[in-house]
Amino acid sequence: MERISWHQYFMAQSHLLALRSTCSRLMVGATIVREKRIIAGGYNGAISGGVHCIDDGCYVIDNHCVRTIHAEVNALLQCAKFGVATEGSEIYVTHFPCLNCCKSIIQAGIKKVYYATDYKNHPYAIELFKQAGVMIEHVELEEMVLDRNNHDKLKFTAELLSQLERLGLDEEELQTLKHHANKLYTSP
């Protein structure tokens, strides 16, 4: 079995962190990495001990949930709380950072931002990253590399579809099933 890449490893960690999110509008995770070691992680949610969006709904002002602290900021605050330097590190985020997170990332000295999903990519954030010399790169999580049985599942699905074709399943129904199977195996 082939090992997953560093990008996939750290992006998977960010997606795992996002599962702890307490915001019902968008689940985001962030992992800060220095020299191929995870130094902090965060997800978007309310302040410690505060009311959570999943319990009381989002508190929305100007189309933004103001109840949550963003994943990137939570990860940066974790570093600050425990005295861990972020200068020269990298951050892996499930979604493109918002403008405020962009500024926090730059001020923390992070030099590379890897994100999995485009999300309201603000042109000024892109400009600020460029001005600050922060590299941004789109790195999708390839979920199939995390599934150790993926090859067997693909083979089994192909065999089922072939058998349905041999048994004379209506061409339109067969194409619908093939399309559905393809979406299951290729969608993030």
Foldseek 3Di string as FASTA:
>chain_A
DDDDDLLLVQLVVFVVQLVPEQAPPGRKKKFKFDPSHTDFIFIKFADVPDDGCNRVNFDDDPRDRPRIDHGLVRRVVVCVVVVNQRAAIEMEMQEADDQVSLVVCLVSNHAEYEYAYYDPNDPVSVVVNVVSNRHYYHDHNQVLVVDPCSVVVVVVLVVVLVVCVVVPDDPVVSVVSVVVVVCVNPPD
